[in-house]
Amino acid sequence: MDSLSTSLSQAFVAFNIECDNEAEHRIPHWTTMSGKRPGVWLTSGTMWWNCMKYVGEEPLGVKELAILARTTTNLHGMQRWGYITADAAPPKLIRATAKGLRAREICAPLPGEIEKRWENRFGEAAVDRLREALYAIVSQFELDFPDCLPILGYGLFSKPPDRKRSSPVGRDLPLCALLARIVLAFAMDFECGQELSLAICADVVRVLDEKGVRLRDIPVLSMAMGILRKKGMVTVDKLVRLTVAGVKAQTAYRERIALIEKQWEERFGKKAIGALREALVPFTLELLLRGIEPYPAGWRASVRKPAVLPYFPMVLHRGGYPDGS
């Protein structure tokens, strides 16, 4: 049985890839594969949640954006990619471009549309159970969580919220926002006082061993491998091998995942955590993968079809894709 954090992470990643596939299909855009065309550079829905949801025709201060989104965006990237313009002199004010406004309009209804698809695929009752189970836990969080996962920081650590919640969590939160909040909360508990982030542990350290794994077979980022080498946890030639320190880190990862699940049972209630585990059962990897099938013209159609989803989302500054793409 997968850990709670794995099941939550894979549901989050799958939901967001479905949104991204639909956005790519509808938004005038360009990529390195398509070449320069009219429209914006293609990014993930993360960049809607942390930026374009709040940036319109009227000027908005950068600090105000961070307060509204409860997280930060890749401001320079959003300018470079054609979504916003920004004043050069302080106080820095940003506005959406015409292309950005069009992308914003298209992205706004997508979370709701994908929820409807999930109701058709998994059953309305199953989606309702998942929503209620997520809400029962998320509503207990004291911090003011964003509605998306923050862009991973140095060392691929998750950035926690910087203030407490001042009002109750609304029951109308989109399913993807509930998933984002609970995944971030788990990462925060895992990473507190730790040497390695959950992203590196779950997506890299987990799949390695002492015998060696081919580098091309690892769903890895160069920065993650650099961190592990610097810490003396892997050796790299044609194969990537765990050192003694790496084996200890792998064992510690598994033990800490189990420990946090136990702590969550004590913190939120054994019944609530049990209900969440049960609610996640219908959302199998097979059905999640079936839902992320890209459009024939989409960029994901031209890359290797995934056999598995990340055990923790890799949301990066280069576009915010949930799987580190």
Protein backbone atom coordinates (compact mmCIF):
# COMPACT_ATOMS: atom_id res chain seq x y z
CA MET A 1 0.00 0.00 0.00
CA ASP A 2 1.31 3.45 -0.91
CA SER A 3 1.90 5.97 1.85
CA LEU A 4 -0.66 8.69 2.47
CA SER A 5 1.69 11.35 1.11
CA THR A 6 2.25 9.34 -2.09
CA SER A 7 -1.47 8.88 -2.77
CA LEU A 8 -2.17 12.56 -2.11
CA SER A 9 0.79 13.68 -4.24
CA GLN A 10 -0.15 11.53 -7.21
CA ALA A 11 -3.75 12.72 -7.12
CA PHE A 12 -2.50 16.32 -7.02
CA VAL A 13 -0.08 15.80 -9.91
CA ALA A 14 -2.66 14.04 -12.07
CA PHE A 15 -5.33 16.69 -11.50
CA ASN A 16 -2.94 19.48 -12.41
CA ILE A 17 -1.62 17.73 -15.52
CA GLU A 18 -5.21 17.36 -16.71
CA CYS A 19 -5.69 21.11 -16.22
CA ASP A 20 -2.42 21.83 -18.00
CA ASN A 21 -3.31 19.64 -20.98
CA GLU A 22 -6.60 21.48 -21.38
CA ALA A 23 -4.95 24.89 -20.99
CA GLU A 24 -2.36 24.00 -23.62
CA HIS A 25 -5.14 22.95 -25.98
CA ARG A 26 -7.01 26.26 -25.60
CA ILE A 27 -4.45 29.02 -24.94
CA PRO A 28 -2.58 30.66 -27.84
CA HIS A 29 1.00 29.84 -26.86
CA TRP A 30 4.44 28.74 -27.92
CA THR A 31 7.12 26.36 -26.64
CA THR A 32 10.65 25.35 -27.60
CA MET A 33 9.05 22.61 -29.68
CA SER A 34 6.63 24.84 -31.58
CA GLY A 35 8.89 27.85 -32.04
CA LYS A 36 7.96 31.50 -31.55
CA ARG A 37 4.29 32.14 -32.24
CA PRO A 38 1.67 34.67 -31.17
CA GLY A 39 0.69 34.08 -27.59
CA VAL A 40 2.37 33.44 -24.26
CA TRP A 41 5.07 30.93 -23.39
CA LEU A 42 3.31 27.85 -22.09
CA THR A 43 3.38 27.38 -18.31
CA SER A 44 1.54 25.24 -15.78
CA GLY A 45 -1.59 26.17 -13.86
CA THR A 46 0.60 26.86 -10.83
CA MET A 47 1.44 30.18 -12.45
CA TRP A 48 -2.25 30.99 -12.65
CA TRP A 49 -2.74 30.28 -8.95
CA ASN A 50 0.31 32.25 -7.79
CA CYS A 51 0.03 35.12 -10.27
CA MET A 52 -2.57 35.42 -13.02
CA LYS A 53 -5.56 34.74 -10.78
CA TYR A 54 -4.88 38.13 -9.21
CA VAL A 55 -3.17 40.20 -11.92
CA GLY A 56 -5.50 42.00 -14.30
CA GLU A 57 -5.62 45.27 -16.22
CA GLU A 58 -5.36 47.42 -13.10
CA PRO A 59 -1.87 47.86 -11.55
CA LEU A 60 -1.06 45.60 -8.61
CA GLY A 61 1.92 45.84 -6.29
CA VAL A 62 4.30 42.89 -6.10
CA LYS A 63 3.93 42.78 -2.33
CA GLU A 64 0.14 42.84 -2.65
CA LEU A 65 0.29 39.92 -5.09
CA ALA A 66 2.27 37.83 -2.59
CA ILE A 67 -0.30 38.64 0.11
CA LEU A 68 -3.24 37.69 -2.10
CA ALA A 69 -1.66 34.50 -3.44
CA ARG A 70 -0.10 33.63 -0.06
CA THR A 71 2.99 32.55 -1.95
CA THR A 72 5.43 34.00 -4.48
CA THR A 73 5.61 33.69 -8.25
CA ASN A 74 8.46 33.69 -10.76
CA LEU A 75 8.02 37.37 -11.51
CA HIS A 76 10.84 37.69 -14.04
CA GLY A 77 9.64 34.57 -15.81
CA MET A 78 6.07 35.80 -16.06
CA GLN A 79 7.36 39.01 -17.63
CA ARG A 80 9.66 37.17 -20.01
CA TRP A 81 6.94 34.72 -20.98
CA GLY A 82 4.55 37.49 -21.97
CA TYR A 83 1.93 37.34 -19.20
CA ILE A 84 2.66 40.58 -17.35
CA THR A 85 4.48 43.87 -17.54
CA ALA A 86 6.20 45.45 -14.54
CA ASP A 87 7.38 48.96 -13.72
CA ALA A 88 11.13 49.30 -13.49
CA ALA A 89 11.13 51.71 -10.55
CA PRO A 90 9.72 51.02 -7.08
CA PRO A 91 7.08 50.63 -5.94
CA LYS A 92 6.99 47.87 -8.55
CA LEU A 93 3.53 47.57 -10.08
CA ILE A 94 2.51 44.78 -12.41
CA ARG A 95 -0.29 44.46 -14.97
CA ALA A 96 -1.49 41.69 -17.23
CA THR A 97 -0.70 41.95 -20.93
CA ALA A 98 -3.45 41.36 -23.49
CA LYS A 99 -2.06 37.84 -24.00
CA GLY A 100 -1.93 37.32 -20.25
CA LEU A 101 -5.55 38.42 -19.87
CA ARG A 102 -6.60 35.90 -22.52
CA ALA A 103 -4.69 33.10 -20.78
CA ARG A 104 -6.17 34.16 -17.44
CA GLU A 105 -9.70 34.00 -18.83
CA ILE A 106 -9.15 30.52 -20.25
CA CYS A 107 -7.53 29.11 -17.11
CA ALA A 108 -10.12 30.35 -14.60
CA PRO A 109 -12.81 27.68 -15.20
CA LEU A 110 -10.45 24.72 -15.72
CA PRO A 111 -10.26 23.43 -12.11
CA GLY A 112 -14.05 23.19 -12.05
CA GLU A 113 -14.13 21.46 -15.43
CA ILE A 114 -11.57 18.86 -14.36
CA GLU A 115 -13.53 18.20 -11.17
CA LYS A 116 -16.54 17.38 -13.36
CA ARG A 117 -14.38 15.00 -15.40
CA TRP A 118 -13.28 13.29 -12.20
CA GLU A 119 -16.90 12.92 -11.13
CA ASN A 120 -17.64 11.20 -14.44
CA ARG A 121 -14.55 8.97 -14.25
CA PHE A 122 -14.44 8.08 -10.56
CA GLY A 123 -18.06 8.71 -9.61
CA GLU A 124 -19.63 11.76 -8.02
CA ALA A 125 -19.88 10.02 -4.65
CA ALA A 126 -16.15 9.18 -4.68
CA VAL A 127 -15.16 12.77 -5.44
CA ASP A 128 -17.51 14.05 -2.73
CA ARG A 129 -15.99 11.64 -0.19
CA LEU A 130 -12.49 12.77 -1.10
CA ARG A 131 -13.47 16.42 -0.84
CA GLU A 132 -15.06 15.92 2.60
CA ALA A 133 -12.11 13.90 3.88
CA LEU A 134 -9.65 16.55 2.70
CA TYR A 135 -11.73 19.37 4.14
CA ALA A 136 -12.00 17.66 7.53
CA ILE A 137 -8.21 17.91 7.87
CA VAL A 138 -7.41 21.11 5.95
CA SER A 139 -9.99 23.05 7.97
CA GLN A 140 -7.92 22.30 11.09
CA PHE A 141 -4.74 23.92 9.75
CA GLU A 142 -3.81 27.08 11.63
CA LEU A 143 -1.58 28.57 8.93
CA ASP A 144 -2.85 30.47 5.89
CA PHE A 145 -1.99 27.99 3.15
CA PRO A 146 -1.90 28.96 -0.54
CA ASP A 147 -4.22 27.25 -3.01
CA CYS A 148 -1.28 25.81 -4.94
CA LEU A 149 2.06 24.29 -4.07
CA PRO A 150 4.79 26.92 -3.76
CA ILE A 151 7.69 26.83 -6.18
CA LEU A 152 10.35 24.69 -4.50
CA GLY A 153 13.20 26.66 -2.96
CA TYR A 154 16.90 25.99 -2.46
CA GLY A 155 17.55 22.31 -1.86
CA LEU A 156 14.06 21.63 -3.31
CA PHE A 157 12.50 22.39 0.07
CA SER A 158 8.86 23.44 0.29
CA LYS A 159 8.19 27.01 1.41
CA PRO A 160 5.74 27.16 4.35
CA PRO A 161 3.08 29.85 4.78
CA ASP A 162 4.33 32.91 6.66
CA ARG A 163 1.21 33.80 8.64
CA LYS A 164 -1.72 32.30 10.49
CA ARG A 165 -5.16 31.94 9.01
CA SER A 166 -7.53 34.76 9.97
CA SER A 167 -10.82 33.23 8.75
CA PRO A 168 -12.35 29.77 8.38
CA VAL A 169 -11.50 27.65 5.35
CA GLY A 170 -14.34 27.86 2.85
CA ARG A 171 -16.14 24.69 1.81
CA ASP A 172 -16.12 25.94 -1.77
CA LEU A 173 -12.37 25.48 -2.20
CA PRO A 174 -11.53 23.67 -5.45
CA LEU A 175 -10.43 20.06 -5.05
CA CYS A 176 -6.96 20.89 -6.37
CA ALA A 177 -6.56 23.62 -3.73
CA LEU A 178 -7.49 21.18 -0.95
CA LEU A 179 -4.96 18.68 -2.31
CA ALA A 180 -2.28 21.37 -2.55
CA ARG A 181 -2.78 22.47 1.05
CA ILE A 182 -2.60 18.99 2.53
CA VAL A 183 0.41 17.95 0.43
CA LEU A 184 2.26 21.11 1.52
CA ALA A 185 1.37 20.49 5.17
CA PHE A 186 2.80 16.97 4.99
CA ALA A 187 5.98 18.26 3.36
CA MET A 188 6.40 20.89 6.06
CA ASP A 189 6.16 18.27 8.80
CA PHE A 190 8.56 15.96 6.97
CA GLU A 191 11.17 18.63 6.25
CA CYS A 192 11.27 20.26 9.68
CA GLY A 193 14.89 19.98 10.85
CA GLN A 194 15.82 17.58 8.03
CA GLU A 195 18.88 17.51 5.78
CA LEU A 196 16.97 16.49 2.64
CA SER A 197 13.66 17.70 1.22
CA LEU A 198 10.69 15.42 0.71
CA ALA A 199 10.94 16.02 -3.04
CA ILE A 200 14.48 14.64 -3.19
CA CYS A 201 13.74 11.75 -0.83
CA ALA A 202 10.49 10.66 -2.47
CA ASP A 203 11.45 11.11 -6.13
CA VAL A 204 15.18 10.32 -6.11
CA VAL A 205 16.54 8.64 -2.98
CA ARG A 206 13.59 6.23 -2.87
CA VAL A 207 14.43 4.63 -6.26
CA LEU A 208 18.17 4.20 -5.69
CA ASP A 209 20.15 1.32 -4.18
CA GLU A 210 23.75 0.24 -3.56
CA LYS A 211 23.96 -1.88 -6.72
CA GLY A 212 23.29 1.06 -9.00
CA VAL A 213 20.55 2.49 -11.20
CA ARG A 214 21.08 3.88 -14.70
CA LEU A 215 21.02 7.65 -14.63
CA ARG A 216 18.58 7.80 -17.53
CA ASP A 217 16.13 5.61 -15.61
CA ILE A 218 15.89 8.01 -12.67
CA PRO A 219 13.14 10.66 -12.69
CA VAL A 220 15.75 13.10 -11.46
CA LEU A 221 16.71 16.71 -11.77
CA SER A 222 20.35 17.66 -12.09
CA MET A 223 20.03 19.91 -9.04
CA ALA A 224 18.75 17.01 -6.93
CA MET A 225 21.65 14.81 -7.99
CA GLY A 226 24.09 17.63 -7.29
CA ILE A 227 22.77 17.99 -3.75
CA LEU A 228 23.06 14.25 -3.10
CA ARG A 229 26.62 14.14 -4.45
CA LYS A 230 27.62 17.15 -2.38
CA LYS A 231 26.31 15.43 0.75
CA GLY A 232 28.17 12.22 -0.11
CA MET A 233 24.97 10.21 -0.43
CA VAL A 234 25.51 8.96 -4.01
CA THR A 235 28.28 8.13 -6.42
CA VAL A 236 27.73 8.72 -10.14
CA ASP A 237 29.39 7.16 -13.18
CA LYS A 238 27.32 5.14 -15.64
CA LEU A 239 25.24 4.10 -12.66
CA VAL A 240 24.01 6.03 -9.64
CA ARG A 241 24.66 4.21 -6.37
CA LEU A 242 23.75 4.98 -2.81
CA THR A 243 26.64 5.33 -0.41
CA VAL A 244 26.38 4.25 3.22
CA ALA A 245 25.12 7.75 4.01
CA GLY A 246 22.59 7.46 1.20
CA VAL A 247 21.26 4.16 2.48
CA LYS A 248 20.79 5.75 5.90
CA ALA A 249 18.91 8.66 4.28
CA GLN A 250 16.65 6.23 2.41
CA THR A 251 15.84 4.34 5.60
CA ALA A 252 15.24 7.60 7.47
CA TYR A 253 12.86 8.76 4.72
CA ARG A 254 10.70 5.65 5.02
CA GLU A 255 10.66 5.81 8.80
CA ARG A 256 9.81 9.51 8.85
CA ILE A 257 6.92 9.08 6.41
CA ALA A 258 5.42 6.44 8.69
CA LEU A 259 6.07 8.57 11.79
CA ILE A 260 4.28 11.61 10.37
CA GLU A 261 1.27 9.52 9.38
CA LYS A 262 1.12 8.30 12.98
CA GLN A 263 1.46 11.86 14.28
CA TRP A 264 -1.34 13.00 11.97
CA GLU A 265 -3.62 10.33 13.42
CA GLU A 266 -2.97 11.80 16.86
CA ARG A 267 -3.26 15.41 15.67
CA PHE A 268 -6.29 15.23 13.37
CA GLY A 269 -7.93 12.06 14.64
CA LYS A 270 -7.49 8.43 13.65
CA LYS A 271 -10.99 8.42 12.19
CA ALA A 272 -10.27 11.45 9.95
CA ILE A 273 -7.01 10.01 8.62
CA GLY A 274 -8.65 6.64 8.09
CA ALA A 275 -11.47 8.30 6.16
CA LEU A 276 -8.93 10.09 3.98
CA ARG A 277 -7.10 6.85 3.20
CA GLU A 278 -10.40 5.18 2.29
CA ALA A 279 -11.45 8.14 0.16
CA LEU A 280 -8.23 7.89 -1.88
CA VAL A 281 -8.73 4.20 -2.74
CA PRO A 282 -10.78 4.73 -5.94
CA PHE A 283 -8.15 7.11 -7.32
CA THR A 284 -5.88 4.38 -8.61
CA LEU A 285 -2.69 5.02 -10.55
CA GLU A 286 -4.21 3.35 -13.60
CA LEU A 287 -7.19 5.70 -13.68
CA LEU A 288 -5.09 8.77 -12.86
CA LEU A 289 -2.72 7.96 -15.75
CA ARG A 290 -5.66 7.40 -18.08
CA GLY A 291 -6.89 10.90 -17.32
CA ILE A 292 -3.61 12.64 -18.19
CA GLU A 293 -3.53 11.35 -21.77
CA PRO A 294 -2.50 14.48 -23.73
CA TYR A 295 -4.01 15.89 -26.89
CA PRO A 296 -2.15 14.61 -30.01
CA ALA A 297 -0.63 18.06 -30.60
CA GLY A 298 0.34 18.57 -26.95
CA TRP A 299 3.98 18.57 -25.91
CA ARG A 300 3.45 15.62 -23.56
CA ALA A 301 2.36 13.50 -26.55
CA SER A 302 5.90 13.75 -27.95
CA VAL A 303 7.69 12.51 -24.79
CA ARG A 304 7.81 9.09 -23.17
CA LYS A 305 4.49 8.12 -21.64
CA PRO A 306 4.84 7.91 -17.84
CA ALA A 307 4.35 4.54 -16.14
CA VAL A 308 4.13 6.16 -12.73
CA LEU A 309 3.50 9.57 -11.20
CA PRO A 310 5.87 11.42 -8.85
CA TYR A 311 5.76 10.38 -5.20
CA PHE A 312 5.96 14.09 -4.42
CA PRO A 313 5.28 17.04 -6.78
CA MET A 314 8.31 18.81 -8.27
CA VAL A 315 7.03 22.38 -8.78
CA LEU A 316 9.90 24.42 -10.21
CA HIS A 317 10.47 28.05 -11.15
CA ARG A 318 10.75 27.25 -14.86
CA GLY A 319 6.99 26.93 -15.34
CA GLY A 320 5.48 25.36 -12.26
CA TYR A 321 4.68 21.96 -13.78
CA PRO A 322 3.67 19.48 -11.04
CA ASP A 323 6.07 16.76 -12.22
CA GLY A 324 9.18 18.92 -12.67
CA SER A 325 8.82 19.10 -16.49
